Amino acid sequence: MNQPGRHTYHEIVSQPEAWQQALAAARAAQPEVAALWKGSRAVPVVFTGCGSTYYLSLAAAALFQMLTGRPARAIPAGELLLYPEVTYLEAAPAVLVAISRSGTTTETVEAVARFKRADRGPVVAITNDGNAPLAGTGDLILAIPAGQEQSVAQTRSFASLYVAASAFAALSAGREELVHAMERLPAVGDRLLHKYAPLAQETGEMTALDRFYFLGSGPRYGLACEVNLKMKEMTLTHSEPFHFFEFRHGPMSMVGETSAVIGLCSMAHASLEQAVLDEMHALGACTLSLGEQGTGVAFASGLPEEVRNVLYLPVLQLMAYYRALAKGLDPDNPRHLSAVVHLDARALGRRD
């Protein structure tokens, strides 16, 4: 049976298994991760990807800098090709962390190739295909084949790559205890999917809502960007991501009874973030909070805040899946999109 969305649904609900493989890949690479940073404390780290994996890079770079104290930033791979001087200082060393589901995305592969030709430094490749061109250029490779997908929109792949990137950040910081704590993530993920699937379906099927806003700050902003993208891709719904406090500076003028404002809440700033959601609720918005405790979707994971962020994803991915079905769309095959973007690398020009 070619039931619309069947691949997407399976990939969402099976993702905790891929998280486990991501952790195993990171643990196996621990000696290589330790060797990567010997004598290179001041070297900047650039995380890169395209689309979903650029948003992953935003989240991963923020977490990496928080844990390690090393300067890190996220740049779309296309920008590394068009404007490398905005990111790299001439002749200065760097570490490039390149993230791609397929390992074949043209901009990412070409950005890595130019980085290598310039002899800037080592490349860390995080991908779901360990045999793809990207993996072949990496000095350190984290491959998670269990995250591969048949759907166009990334769900299981994104989450597995994010878990690998989070574990990489923890190991780079010498925080092995955080990686050990992450072993509990798959069981928590399974529980959340079971417990909150009805809420995801109920909210997703509220077709009177015509706009969604996802709020996240710090290492959660990149995740807010990603779940916003899932809502756009799967459901063709107006959706935007914002930092919590930034939402007050103009965007809140769009809020009304047909709006949903969804907050990826932290424990560290829970009261401040909840206050923003409360304001939006008072303006008529449908609001939902996700976080460790005291929220509409409560993880109750007992995990350190730094390494439980993947738990924000499954319920919101399911919400987008159910909204797509409610609108008569096929979440496996979003309009105008393909699973991998291939360009003519020669047309990008060579500036090095």
C-alpha atoms as a PDB file:
ATOM      1  CA  MET A   1       0.000   0.000   0.000  1.00  0.00           C
ATOM      2  CA  ASN A   2       1.240   3.453  -0.940  1.00  0.00           C
ATOM      3  CA  GLN A   3      -0.324   5.238   2.013  1.00  0.00           C
ATOM      4  CA  PRO A   4       0.599   8.954   2.141  1.00  0.00           C
ATOM      5  CA  GLY A   5       3.163   9.639   4.847  1.00  0.00           C
ATOM      6  CA  ARG A   6       3.870   6.030   5.769  1.00  0.00           C
ATOM      7  CA  HIS A   7       7.634   6.479   5.435  1.00  0.00           C
ATOM      8  CA  THR A   8       7.642   9.711   7.424  1.00  0.00           C
ATOM      9  CA  TYR A   9       5.620   8.167  10.221  1.00  0.00           C
ATOM     10  CA  HIS A  10       7.906   5.142  10.474  1.00  0.00           C
ATOM     11  CA  GLU A  11      11.010   7.326  10.421  1.00  0.00           C
ATOM     12  CA  ILE A  12       9.704   9.539  13.223  1.00  0.00           C
ATOM     13  CA  VAL A  13       8.646   6.734  15.556  1.00  0.00           C
ATOM     14  CA  SER A  14      11.762   4.602  14.920  1.00  0.00           C
ATOM     15  CA  GLN A  15      14.290   7.391  15.460  1.00  0.00           C
ATOM     16  CA  PRO A  16      15.358   6.413  19.006  1.00  0.00           C
ATOM     17  CA  GLU A  17      17.082   3.367  17.500  1.00  0.00           C
ATOM     18  CA  ALA A  18      19.135   5.669  15.290  1.00  0.00           C
ATOM     19  CA  TRP A  19      20.021   7.806  18.318  1.00  0.00           C
ATOM     20  CA  GLN A  20      21.566   4.710  19.861  1.00  0.00           C
ATOM     21  CA  GLN A  21      23.720   4.117  16.804  1.00  0.00           C
ATOM     22  CA  ALA A  22      24.793   7.769  16.806  1.00  0.00           C
ATOM     23  CA  LEU A  23      26.011   7.428  20.376  1.00  0.00           C
ATOM     24  CA  ALA A  24      27.878   4.232  19.538  1.00  0.00           C
ATOM     25  CA  ALA A  25      29.624   5.972  16.623  1.00  0.00           C
ATOM     26  CA  ALA A  26      30.679   8.859  18.860  1.00  0.00           C
ATOM     27  CA  ARG A  27      31.991   6.561  21.585  1.00  0.00           C
ATOM     28  CA  ALA A  28      33.996   4.570  19.057  1.00  0.00           C
ATOM     29  CA  ALA A  29      35.600   7.791  17.812  1.00  0.00           C
ATOM     30  CA  GLN A  30      36.527   9.076  21.287  1.00  0.00           C
ATOM     31  CA  PRO A  31      40.324   8.628  20.828  1.00  0.00           C
ATOM     32  CA  GLU A  32      40.189  10.466  17.499  1.00  0.00           C
ATOM     33  CA  VAL A  33      38.139  13.271  19.027  1.00  0.00           C
ATOM     34  CA  ALA A  34      40.655  13.686  21.839  1.00  0.00           C
ATOM     35  CA  ALA A  35      43.555  13.744  19.355  1.00  0.00           C
ATOM     36  CA  LEU A  36      41.813  16.383  17.232  1.00  0.00           C
ATOM     37  CA  TRP A  37      42.082  19.059  19.910  1.00  0.00           C
ATOM     38  CA  LYS A  38      45.622  18.529  21.166  1.00  0.00           C
ATOM     39  CA  GLY A  39      47.359  21.909  21.040  1.00  0.00           C
ATOM     40  CA  SER A  40      44.516  23.652  19.167  1.00  0.00           C
ATOM     41  CA  ARG A  41      42.465  25.376  21.851  1.00  0.00           C
ATOM     42  CA  ALA A  42      42.252  28.752  20.101  1.00  0.00           C
ATOM     43  CA  VAL A  43      41.423  27.347  16.648  1.00  0.00           C
ATOM     44  CA  PRO A  44      37.911  28.415  15.568  1.00  0.00           C
ATOM     45  CA  VAL A  45      35.412  25.721  14.682  1.00  0.00           C
ATOM     46  CA  VAL A  46      32.979  26.134  11.804  1.00  0.00           C
ATOM     47  CA  PHE A  47      29.886  23.937  11.567  1.00  0.00           C
ATOM     48  CA  THR A  48      28.264  23.781   8.153  1.00  0.00           C
ATOM     49  CA  GLY A  49      25.417  22.168   6.248  1.00  0.00           C
ATOM     50  CA  CYS A  50      22.475  23.061   4.010  1.00  0.00           C
ATOM     51  CA  GLY A  51      18.805  23.402   4.899  1.00  0.00           C
ATOM     52  CA  SER A  52      18.062  21.170   7.865  1.00  0.00           C
ATOM     53  CA  THR A  53      21.734  20.464   8.484  1.00  0.00           C
ATOM     54  CA  TYR A  54      22.495  24.184   8.542  1.00  0.00           C
ATOM     55  CA  TYR A  55      19.899  24.520  11.300  1.00  0.00           C
ATOM     56  CA  LEU A  56      21.512  21.523  12.975  1.00  0.00           C
ATOM     57  CA  SER A  57      24.822  23.361  12.695  1.00  0.00           C
ATOM     58  CA  LEU A  58      23.327  26.381  14.482  1.00  0.00           C
ATOM     59  CA  ALA A  59      22.259  24.185  17.384  1.00  0.00           C
ATOM     60  CA  ALA A  60      25.473  22.159  17.430  1.00  0.00           C
ATOM     61  CA  ALA A  61      27.813  25.167  17.251  1.00  0.00           C
ATOM     62  CA  ALA A  62      26.034  26.844  20.171  1.00  0.00           C
ATOM     63  CA  LEU A  63      26.256  23.687  22.254  1.00  0.00           C
ATOM     64  CA  PHE A  64      29.880  23.073  21.258  1.00  0.00           C
ATOM     65  CA  GLN A  65      30.984  26.557  22.329  1.00  0.00           C
ATOM     66  CA  MET A  66      29.015  26.307  25.598  1.00  0.00           C
ATOM     67  CA  LEU A  67      30.633  22.983  26.513  1.00  0.00           C
ATOM     68  CA  THR A  68      34.187  23.470  25.260  1.00  0.00           C
ATOM     69  CA  GLY A  69      34.838  27.213  25.523  1.00  0.00           C
ATOM     70  CA  ARG A  70      36.238  27.065  21.981  1.00  0.00           C
ATOM     71  CA  PRO A  71      34.942  29.645  19.466  1.00  0.00           C
ATOM     72  CA  ALA A  72      32.363  28.035  17.188  1.00  0.00           C
ATOM     73  CA  ARG A  73      29.887  29.330  14.617  1.00  0.00           C
ATOM     74  CA  ALA A  74      27.526  27.927  12.017  1.00  0.00           C
ATOM     75  CA  ILE A  75      27.636  28.999   8.361  1.00  0.00           C
ATOM     76  CA  PRO A  76      25.576  27.614   5.447  1.00  0.00           C
ATOM     77  CA  ALA A  77      27.806  25.677   3.066  1.00  0.00           C
ATOM     78  CA  GLY A  78      26.683  27.866   0.179  1.00  0.00           C
ATOM     79  CA  GLU A  79      27.995  30.938   2.006  1.00  0.00           C
ATOM     80  CA  LEU A  80      31.370  29.256   2.475  1.00  0.00           C
ATOM     81  CA  LEU A  81      31.511  29.009  -1.310  1.00  0.00           C
ATOM     82  CA  LEU A  82      30.276  32.499  -2.158  1.00  0.00           C
ATOM     83  CA  TYR A  83      31.836  34.518   0.671  1.00  0.00           C
ATOM     84  CA  PRO A  84      34.600  32.513   2.380  1.00  0.00           C
ATOM     85  CA  GLU A  85      36.297  35.726   3.534  1.00  0.00           C
ATOM     86  CA  VAL A  86      33.343  36.427   5.826  1.00  0.00           C
ATOM     87  CA  THR A  87      34.118  33.202   7.726  1.00  0.00           C
ATOM     88  CA  TYR A  88      37.804  32.449   7.343  1.00  0.00           C
ATOM     89  CA  LEU A  89      40.738  34.686   8.122  1.00  0.00           C
ATOM     90  CA  GLU A  90      43.392  34.387   5.433  1.00  0.00           C
ATOM     91  CA  ALA A  91      45.877  31.605   6.178  1.00  0.00           C
ATOM     92  CA  ALA A  92      44.435  31.129   9.671  1.00  0.00           C
ATOM     93  CA  PRO A  93      43.767  27.511  10.729  1.00  0.00           C
ATOM     94  CA  ALA A  94      40.287  26.239  11.534  1.00  0.00           C
ATOM     95  CA  VAL A  95      38.354  23.022  12.091  1.00  0.00           C
ATOM     96  CA  LEU A  96      35.399  22.349   9.782  1.00  0.00           C
ATOM     97  CA  VAL A  97      32.499  20.170  10.935  1.00  0.00           C
ATOM     98  CA  ALA A  98      30.467  19.281   7.839  1.00  0.00           C
ATOM     99  CA  ILE A  99      27.040  17.713   8.302  1.00  0.00           C
ATOM    100  CA  SER A 100      24.948  16.085   5.569  1.00  0.00           C
ATOM    101  CA  ARG A 101      22.271  13.391   5.544  1.00  0.00           C
ATOM    102  CA  SER A 102      23.283  12.024   2.130  1.00  0.00           C
ATOM    103  CA  GLY A 103      26.925  13.059   2.156  1.00  0.00           C
ATOM    104  CA  THR A 104      26.474  14.200  -1.459  1.00  0.00           C
ATOM    105  CA  THR A 105      24.963  17.708  -1.192  1.00  0.00           C
ATOM    106  CA  THR A 106      26.912  19.779  -3.706  1.00  0.00           C
ATOM    107  CA  GLU A 107      27.525  22.906  -1.623  1.00  0.00           C
ATOM    108  CA  THR A 108      28.708  20.939   1.411  1.00  0.00           C
ATOM    109  CA  VAL A 109      30.997  18.600  -0.543  1.00  0.00           C
ATOM    110  CA  GLU A 110      32.478  21.507  -2.491  1.00  0.00           C
ATOM    111  CA  ALA A 111      32.949  23.644   0.642  1.00  0.00           C
ATOM    112  CA  VAL A 112      34.898  20.785   2.232  1.00  0.00           C
ATOM    113  CA  ALA A 113      36.976  20.319  -0.940  1.00  0.00           C
ATOM    114  CA  ARG A 114      37.963  23.989  -0.973  1.00  0.00           C
ATOM    115  CA  PHE A 115      38.739  23.913   2.738  1.00  0.00           C
ATOM    116  CA  LYS A 116      41.031  20.929   2.154  1.00  0.00           C
ATOM    117  CA  ARG A 117      42.721  22.495  -0.875  1.00  0.00           C
ATOM    118  CA  ALA A 118      43.479  25.592   1.189  1.00  0.00           C
ATOM    119  CA  ASP A 119      45.001  23.311   3.855  1.00  0.00           C
ATOM    120  CA  ARG A 120      43.097  25.131   6.580  1.00  0.00           C
ATOM    121  CA  GLY A 121      42.828  22.214   8.993  1.00  0.00           C
ATOM    122  CA  PRO A 122      41.015  18.977   9.777  1.00  0.00           C
ATOM    123  CA  VAL A 123      37.475  18.104   8.680  1.00  0.00           C
ATOM    124  CA  VAL A 124      34.912  16.272  10.803  1.00  0.00           C
ATOM    125  CA  ALA A 125      32.209  14.644   8.650  1.00  0.00           C
ATOM    126  CA  ILE A 126      28.872  13.727  10.243  1.00  0.00           C
ATOM    127  CA  THR A 127      26.584  11.861   7.854  1.00  0.00           C
ATOM    128  CA  ASN A 128      24.100   9.038   7.487  1.00  0.00           C
ATOM    129  CA  ASP A 129      26.095   7.506   4.635  1.00  0.00           C
ATOM    130  CA  GLY A 130      29.613   6.443   5.490  1.00  0.00           C
ATOM    131  CA  ASN A 131      30.340   5.590   1.847  1.00  0.00           C
ATOM    132  CA  ALA A 132      29.356   8.973   0.409  1.00  0.00           C
ATOM    133  CA  PRO A 133      31.849  11.544  -0.962  1.00  0.00           C
ATOM    134  CA  LEU A 134      31.666  13.679   2.195  1.00  0.00           C
ATOM    135  CA  ALA A 135      32.799  10.785   4.383  1.00  0.00           C
ATOM    136  CA  GLY A 136      35.691  10.162   2.011  1.00  0.00           C
ATOM    137  CA  THR A 137      37.092  13.637   2.699  1.00  0.00           C
ATOM    138  CA  GLY A 138      36.707  13.613   6.475  1.00  0.00           C
ATOM    139  CA  ASP A 139      39.646  13.283   8.841  1.00  0.00           C
ATOM    140  CA  LEU A 140      37.178  12.125  11.486  1.00  0.00           C
ATOM    141  CA  ILE A 141      33.934  10.477  10.393  1.00  0.00           C
ATOM    142  CA  LEU A 142      30.765   9.885  12.368  1.00  0.00           C
ATOM    143  CA  ALA A 143      28.421   7.787  10.221  1.00  0.00           C
ATOM    144  CA  ILE A 144      24.912   6.817  11.325  1.00  0.00           C
ATOM    145  CA  PRO A 145      23.355   4.616   8.605  1.00  0.00           C
ATOM    146  CA  ALA A 146      20.367   3.822  10.850  1.00  0.00           C
ATOM    147  CA  GLY A 147      19.252   7.415  10.333  1.00  0.00           C
ATOM    148  CA  GLN A 148      18.824   7.073   6.558  1.00  0.00           C
ATOM    149  CA  GLU A 149      15.365   7.831   5.190  1.00  0.00           C
ATOM    150  CA  GLN A 150      13.080   7.346   2.218  1.00  0.00           C
ATOM    151  CA  SER A 151      11.170  10.566   2.890  1.00  0.00           C
ATOM    152  CA  VAL A 152      12.262  13.928   1.560  1.00  0.00           C
ATOM    153  CA  ALA A 153      11.797  15.862   4.814  1.00  0.00           C
ATOM    154  CA  GLN A 154      14.425  15.059   7.417  1.00  0.00           C
ATOM    155  CA  THR A 155      13.193  13.669  10.727  1.00  0.00           C
ATOM    156  CA  ARG A 156      15.056  10.540  11.865  1.00  0.00           C
ATOM    157  CA  SER A 157      18.183  11.608   9.994  1.00  0.00           C
ATOM    158  CA  PHE A 158      18.237  15.083  11.551  1.00  0.00           C
ATOM    159  CA  ALA A 159      17.773  13.735  15.060  1.00  0.00           C
ATOM    160  CA  SER A 160      20.447  11.056  14.668  1.00  0.00           C
ATOM    161  CA  LEU A 161      22.947  13.541  13.245  1.00  0.00           C
ATOM    162  CA  TYR A 162      22.146  15.966  16.054  1.00  0.00           C
ATOM    163  CA  VAL A 163      22.723  13.298  18.706  1.00  0.00           C
ATOM    164  CA  ALA A 164      26.089  12.510  17.092  1.00  0.00           C
ATOM    165  CA  ALA A 165      27.015  16.207  16.998  1.00  0.00           C
ATOM    166  CA  SER A 166      25.986  16.635  20.643  1.00  0.00           C
ATOM    167  CA  ALA A 167      28.073  13.651  21.717  1.00  0.00           C
ATOM    168  CA  PHE A 168      30.980  15.013  19.661  1.00  0.00           C
ATOM    169  CA  ALA A 169      30.700  18.321  21.530  1.00  0.00           C
ATOM    170  CA  ALA A 170      30.616  16.575  24.904  1.00  0.00           C
ATOM    171  CA  LEU A 171      33.651  14.428  24.068  1.00  0.00           C
ATOM    172  CA  SER A 172      35.506  17.481  22.740  1.00  0.00           C
ATOM    173  CA  ALA A 173      34.917  19.094  26.128  1.00  0.00           C
ATOM    174  CA  GLY A 174      36.217  16.017  27.944  1.00  0.00           C
ATOM    175  CA  ARG A 175      32.721  15.475  29.389  1.00  0.00           C
ATOM    176  CA  GLU A 176      32.426  11.701  29.044  1.00  0.00           C
ATOM    177  CA  GLU A 177      29.812  11.664  31.795  1.00  0.00           C
ATOM    178  CA  LEU A 178      27.454  13.589  29.501  1.00  0.00           C
ATOM    179  CA  VAL A 179      27.816  10.972  26.787  1.00  0.00           C
ATOM    180  CA  HIS A 180      27.164   8.289  29.372  1.00  0.00           C
ATOM    181  CA  ALA A 181      23.987  10.129  30.437  1.00  0.00           C
ATOM    182  CA  MET A 182      22.872  10.298  26.793  1.00  0.00           C
ATOM    183  CA  GLU A 183      22.525   6.509  26.794  1.00  0.00           C
ATOM    184  CA  ARG A 184      19.116   7.057  28.402  1.00  0.00           C
ATOM    185  CA  LEU A 185      17.848   9.197  25.512  1.00  0.00           C
ATOM    186  CA  PRO A 186      16.389   6.385  23.347  1.00  0.00           C
ATOM    187  CA  ALA A 187      14.180   5.062  26.149  1.00  0.00           C
ATOM    188  CA  VAL A 188      12.940   8.576  26.965  1.00  0.00           C
ATOM    189  CA  GLY A 189      12.299   9.258  23.286  1.00  0.00           C
ATOM    190  CA  ASP A 190      10.180   6.116  22.957  1.00  0.00           C
ATOM    191  CA  ARG A 191       8.162   7.110  26.012  1.00  0.00           C
ATOM    192  CA  LEU A 192       7.524  10.636  24.744  1.00  0.00           C
ATOM    193  CA  LEU A 193       6.400   9.378  21.339  1.00  0.00           C
ATOM    194  CA  HIS A 194       3.896   7.048  22.977  1.00  0.00           C
ATOM    195  CA  LYS A 195       2.656   9.508  25.604  1.00  0.00           C
ATOM    196  CA  TYR A 196       2.299  12.628  23.470  1.00  0.00           C
ATOM    197  CA  ALA A 197       1.257  11.211  20.088  1.00  0.00           C
ATOM    198  CA  PRO A 198      -2.414  12.090  20.830  1.00  0.00           C
ATOM    199  CA  LEU A 199      -1.457  15.690  21.653  1.00  0.00           C
ATOM    200  CA  ALA A 200       0.619  15.926  18.471  1.00  0.00           C
ATOM    201  CA  GLN A 201      -2.317  14.635  16.433  1.00  0.00           C
ATOM    202  CA  GLU A 202      -4.874  16.884  18.126  1.00  0.00           C
ATOM    203  CA  THR A 203      -2.756  20.004  17.608  1.00  0.00           C
ATOM    204  CA  GLY A 204      -1.718  19.031  14.105  1.00  0.00           C
ATOM    205  CA  GLU A 205      -5.333  18.559  13.057  1.00  0.00           C
ATOM    206  CA  MET A 206      -6.335  22.065  14.205  1.00  0.00           C
ATOM    207  CA  THR A 207      -6.551  23.321  10.639  1.00  0.00           C
ATOM    208  CA  ALA A 208      -8.093  26.626  11.788  1.00  0.00           C
ATOM    209  CA  LEU A 209      -4.553  27.576  12.783  1.00  0.00           C
ATOM    210  CA  ASP A 210      -2.893  29.275   9.822  1.00  0.00           C
ATOM    211  CA  ARG A 211       0.499  30.285  11.232  1.00  0.00           C
ATOM    212  CA  PHE A 212       3.024  28.720  13.567  1.00  0.00           C
ATOM    213  CA  TYR A 213       5.828  30.381  15.503  1.00  0.00           C
ATOM    214  CA  PHE A 214       8.536  28.301  17.151  1.00  0.00           C
ATOM    215  CA  LEU A 215      10.576  29.952  19.902  1.00  0.00           C
ATOM    216  CA  GLY A 216      13.935  28.748  21.152  1.00  0.00           C
ATOM    217  CA  SER A 217      16.984  30.447  22.607  1.00  0.00           C
ATOM    218  CA  GLY A 218      20.647  29.498  22.996  1.00  0.00           C
ATOM    219  CA  PRO A 219      21.318  25.971  21.723  1.00  0.00           C
ATOM    220  CA  ARG A 220      17.588  25.507  21.093  1.00  0.00           C
ATOM    221  CA  TYR A 221      17.262  28.251  18.475  1.00  0.00           C
ATOM    222  CA  GLY A 222      18.614  26.010  15.711  1.00  0.00           C
ATOM    223  CA  LEU A 223      16.088  23.358  16.726  1.00  0.00           C
ATOM    224  CA  ALA A 224      13.280  25.932  16.567  1.00  0.00           C
ATOM    225  CA  CYS A 225      14.457  26.713  13.028  1.00  0.00           C
ATOM    226  CA  GLU A 226      14.327  23.029  12.132  1.00  0.00           C
ATOM    227  CA  VAL A 227      10.834  22.281  13.446  1.00  0.00           C
ATOM    228  CA  ASN A 228       9.690  25.460  11.681  1.00  0.00           C
ATOM    229  CA  LEU A 229      11.110  24.008   8.470  1.00  0.00           C
ATOM    230  CA  LYS A 230       9.264  20.738   9.017  1.00  0.00           C
ATOM    231  CA  MET A 231       5.993  22.650   9.350  1.00  0.00           C
ATOM    232  CA  LYS A 232       6.727  24.531   6.123  1.00  0.00           C
ATOM    233  CA  GLU A 233       7.887  21.506   4.123  1.00  0.00           C
ATOM    234  CA  MET A 234       5.289  18.965   5.172  1.00  0.00           C
ATOM    235  CA  THR A 235       2.224  21.164   5.622  1.00  0.00           C
ATOM    236  CA  LEU A 236       2.736  24.273   3.429  1.00  0.00           C
ATOM    237  CA  THR A 237       1.848  26.399   6.446  1.00  0.00           C
ATOM    238  CA  HIS A 238       3.237  29.836   7.263  1.00  0.00           C
ATOM    239  CA  SER A 239       5.842  29.193   9.963  1.00  0.00           C
ATOM    240  CA  GLU A 240       8.724  31.151  11.466  1.00  0.00           C
ATOM    241  CA  PRO A 241      11.352  30.622  14.189  1.00  0.00           C
ATOM    242  CA  PHE A 242      12.455  33.257  16.697  1.00  0.00           C
ATOM    243  CA  HIS A 243      14.504  33.657  19.830  1.00  0.00           C
ATOM    244  CA  PHE A 244      12.149  34.018  22.795  1.00  0.00           C
ATOM    245  CA  PHE A 245      12.755  37.679  23.595  1.00  0.00           C
ATOM    246  CA  GLU A 246      13.066  38.683  19.926  1.00  0.00           C
ATOM    247  CA  PHE A 247       9.489  37.608  19.319  1.00  0.00           C
ATOM    248  CA  ARG A 248       8.298  40.597  21.313  1.00  0.00           C
ATOM    249  CA  HIS A 249      10.150  43.013  19.034  1.00  0.00           C
ATOM    250  CA  GLY A 250       7.696  43.148  16.156  1.00  0.00           C
ATOM    251  CA  PRO A 251       6.689  39.573  15.238  1.00  0.00           C
ATOM    252  CA  MET A 252       4.106  39.391  18.038  1.00  0.00           C
ATOM    253  CA  SER A 253       1.995  41.827  16.009  1.00  0.00           C
ATOM    254  CA  MET A 254       1.045  38.818  13.857  1.00  0.00           C
ATOM    255  CA  VAL A 255      -0.364  36.855  16.795  1.00  0.00           C
ATOM    256  CA  GLY A 256      -4.095  36.187  17.037  1.00  0.00           C
ATOM    257  CA  GLU A 257      -6.647  33.420  17.370  1.00  0.00           C
ATOM    258  CA  THR A 258      -5.370  31.558  14.301  1.00  0.00           C
ATOM    259  CA  SER A 259      -1.772  31.490  15.566  1.00  0.00           C
ATOM    260  CA  ALA A 260       0.161  28.778  17.351  1.00  0.00           C
ATOM    261  CA  VAL A 261       3.186  29.820  19.423  1.00  0.00           C
ATOM    262  CA  ILE A 262       5.288  26.882  20.529  1.00  0.00           C
ATOM    263  CA  GLY A 263       8.156  27.285  22.981  1.00  0.00           C
ATOM    264  CA  LEU A 264      11.224  25.083  23.346  1.00  0.00           C
ATOM    265  CA  CYS A 265      11.752  25.959  26.998  1.00  0.00           C
ATOM    266  CA  SER A 266      14.860  25.571  29.115  1.00  0.00           C
ATOM    267  CA  MET A 267      15.114  24.909  32.822  1.00  0.00           C
ATOM    268  CA  ALA A 268      17.700  27.662  33.258  1.00  0.00           C
ATOM    269  CA  HIS A 269      15.332  30.411  32.042  1.00  0.00           C
ATOM    270  CA  ALA A 270      11.957  28.687  32.364  1.00  0.00           C
ATOM    271  CA  SER A 271      10.073  31.553  34.037  1.00  0.00           C
ATOM    272  CA  LEU A 272      11.290  34.162  31.534  1.00  0.00           C
ATOM    273  CA  GLU A 273      10.449  31.984  28.536  1.00  0.00           C
ATOM    274  CA  GLN A 274       7.063  30.980  29.921  1.00  0.00           C
ATOM    275  CA  ALA A 275       6.252  34.650  30.417  1.00  0.00           C
ATOM    276  CA  VAL A 276       6.592  35.190  26.664  1.00  0.00           C
ATOM    277  CA  LEU A 277       4.228  32.291  25.972  1.00  0.00           C
ATOM    278  CA  ASP A 278       1.761  33.632  28.531  1.00  0.00           C
ATOM    279  CA  GLU A 279       1.767  37.021  26.797  1.00  0.00           C
ATOM    280  CA  MET A 280       1.027  35.373  23.452  1.00  0.00           C
ATOM    281  CA  HIS A 281      -1.761  33.304  24.980  1.00  0.00           C
ATOM    282  CA  ALA A 282      -3.309  36.509  26.324  1.00  0.00           C
ATOM    283  CA  LEU A 283      -3.295  37.845  22.757  1.00  0.00           C
ATOM    284  CA  GLY A 284      -5.359  34.859  21.634  1.00  0.00           C
ATOM    285  CA  ALA A 285      -2.675  32.445  20.434  1.00  0.00           C
ATOM    286  CA  CYS A 286      -2.781  28.705  20.939  1.00  0.00           C
ATOM    287  CA  THR A 287       0.393  28.060  22.942  1.00  0.00           C
ATOM    288  CA  LEU A 288       2.365  24.939  23.780  1.00  0.00           C
ATOM    289  CA  SER A 289       5.525  24.571  25.829  1.00  0.00           C
ATOM    290  CA  LEU A 290       8.054  21.746  25.733  1.00  0.00           C
ATOM    291  CA  GLY A 291      10.694  21.165  28.389  1.00  0.00           C
ATOM    292  CA  GLU A 292      11.931  19.016  31.209  1.00  0.00           C
ATOM    293  CA  GLN A 293       9.104  19.678  33.643  1.00  0.00           C
ATOM    294  CA  GLY A 294       6.128  21.944  34.229  1.00  0.00           C
ATOM    295  CA  THR A 295       5.428  22.183  30.485  1.00  0.00           C
ATOM    296  CA  GLY A 296       2.736  20.946  28.110  1.00  0.00           C
ATOM    297  CA  VAL A 297       5.145  18.308  26.834  1.00  0.00           C
ATOM    298  CA  ALA A 298       7.266  17.345  29.836  1.00  0.00           C
ATOM    299  CA  PHE A 299      10.331  15.173  29.213  1.00  0.00           C
ATOM    300  CA  ALA A 300      10.847  14.099  32.847  1.00  0.00           C
ATOM    301  CA  SER A 301      14.136  12.652  31.594  1.00  0.00           C
ATOM    302  CA  GLY A 302      16.439  13.383  34.524  1.00  0.00           C
ATOM    303  CA  LEU A 303      19.148  14.131  31.936  1.00  0.00           C
ATOM    304  CA  PRO A 304      21.483  17.135  32.032  1.00  0.00           C
ATOM    305  CA  GLU A 305      20.031  20.055  30.078  1.00  0.00           C
ATOM    306  CA  GLU A 306      23.022  20.223  27.771  1.00  0.00           C
ATOM    307  CA  VAL A 307      22.393  16.815  26.207  1.00  0.00           C
ATOM    308  CA  ARG A 308      18.611  16.315  26.219  1.00  0.00           C
ATOM    309  CA  ASN A 309      17.752  18.800  23.460  1.00  0.00           C
ATOM    310  CA  VAL A 310      16.959  16.103  20.891  1.00  0.00           C
ATOM    311  CA  LEU A 311      13.834  15.386  22.961  1.00  0.00           C
ATOM    312  CA  TYR A 312      12.187  18.557  21.598  1.00  0.00           C
ATOM    313  CA  LEU A 313      11.999  17.049  18.115  1.00  0.00           C
ATOM    314  CA  PRO A 314       9.809  13.900  17.955  1.00  0.00           C
ATOM    315  CA  VAL A 315       6.488  15.334  19.177  1.00  0.00           C
ATOM    316  CA  LEU A 316       6.799  18.409  16.955  1.00  0.00           C
ATOM    317  CA  GLN A 317       7.740  16.259  13.963  1.00  0.00           C
ATOM    318  CA  LEU A 318       4.621  14.176  14.608  1.00  0.00           C
ATOM    319  CA  MET A 319       2.556  17.359  14.817  1.00  0.00           C
ATOM    320  CA  ALA A 320       3.715  18.378  11.338  1.00  0.00           C
ATOM    321  CA  TYR A 321       3.030  14.858  10.041  1.00  0.00           C
ATOM    322  CA  TYR A 322      -0.573  14.892  11.316  1.00  0.00           C
ATOM    323  CA  ARG A 323      -1.161  18.421  10.024  1.00  0.00           C
ATOM    324  CA  ALA A 324       0.001  17.367   6.553  1.00  0.00           C
ATOM    325  CA  LEU A 325      -2.475  14.485   6.543  1.00  0.00           C
ATOM    326  CA  ALA A 326      -5.265  16.741   7.814  1.00  0.00           C
ATOM    327  CA  LYS A 327      -4.615  19.084   4.879  1.00  0.00           C
ATOM    328  CA  GLY A 328      -4.655  16.226   2.375  1.00  0.00           C
ATOM    329  CA  LEU A 329      -0.894  16.399   1.729  1.00  0.00           C
ATOM    330  CA  ASP A 330       1.720  13.644   1.519  1.00  0.00           C
ATOM    331  CA  PRO A 331       4.471  14.367   4.091  1.00  0.00           C
ATOM    332  CA  ASP A 332       6.739  11.853   2.330  1.00  0.00           C
ATOM    333  CA  ASN A 333       6.869  14.056  -0.768  1.00  0.00           C
ATOM    334  CA  PRO A 334       6.702  17.797  -0.032  1.00  0.00           C
ATOM    335  CA  ARG A 335       5.909  20.053  -2.969  1.00  0.00           C
ATOM    336  CA  HIS A 336       8.819  21.199  -5.160  1.00  0.00           C
ATOM    337  CA  LEU A 337      11.442  19.402  -3.029  1.00  0.00           C
ATOM    338  CA  SER A 338      13.877  16.535  -3.485  1.00  0.00           C
ATOM    339  CA  ALA A 339      15.833  14.609  -0.859  1.00  0.00           C
ATOM    340  CA  VAL A 340      19.217  15.868  -2.098  1.00  0.00           C
ATOM    341  CA  VAL A 341      20.153  19.088  -3.875  1.00  0.00           C
ATOM    342  CA  HIS A 342      22.744  18.578  -6.589  1.00  0.00           C
ATOM    343  CA  LEU A 343      24.279  21.527  -8.437  1.00  0.00           C
ATOM    344  CA  ASP A 344      26.909  21.846 -11.125  1.00  0.00           C
ATOM    345  CA  ALA A 345      29.999  22.494  -9.008  1.00  0.00           C
ATOM    346  CA  ARG A 346      31.715  24.117 -11.983  1.00  0.00           C
ATOM    347  CA  ALA A 347      28.976  26.740 -12.151  1.00  0.00           C
ATOM    348  CA  LEU A 348      29.772  27.771  -8.580  1.00  0.00           C
ATOM    349  CA  GLY A 349      33.145  29.076  -9.736  1.00  0.00           C
ATOM    350  CA  ARG A 350      36.486  28.596  -8.054  1.00  0.00           C
ATOM    351  CA  ARG A 351      37.892  31.386  -5.956  1.00  0.00           C
ATOM    352  CA  ASP A 352      40.839  29.520  -4.469  1.00  0.00           C
END
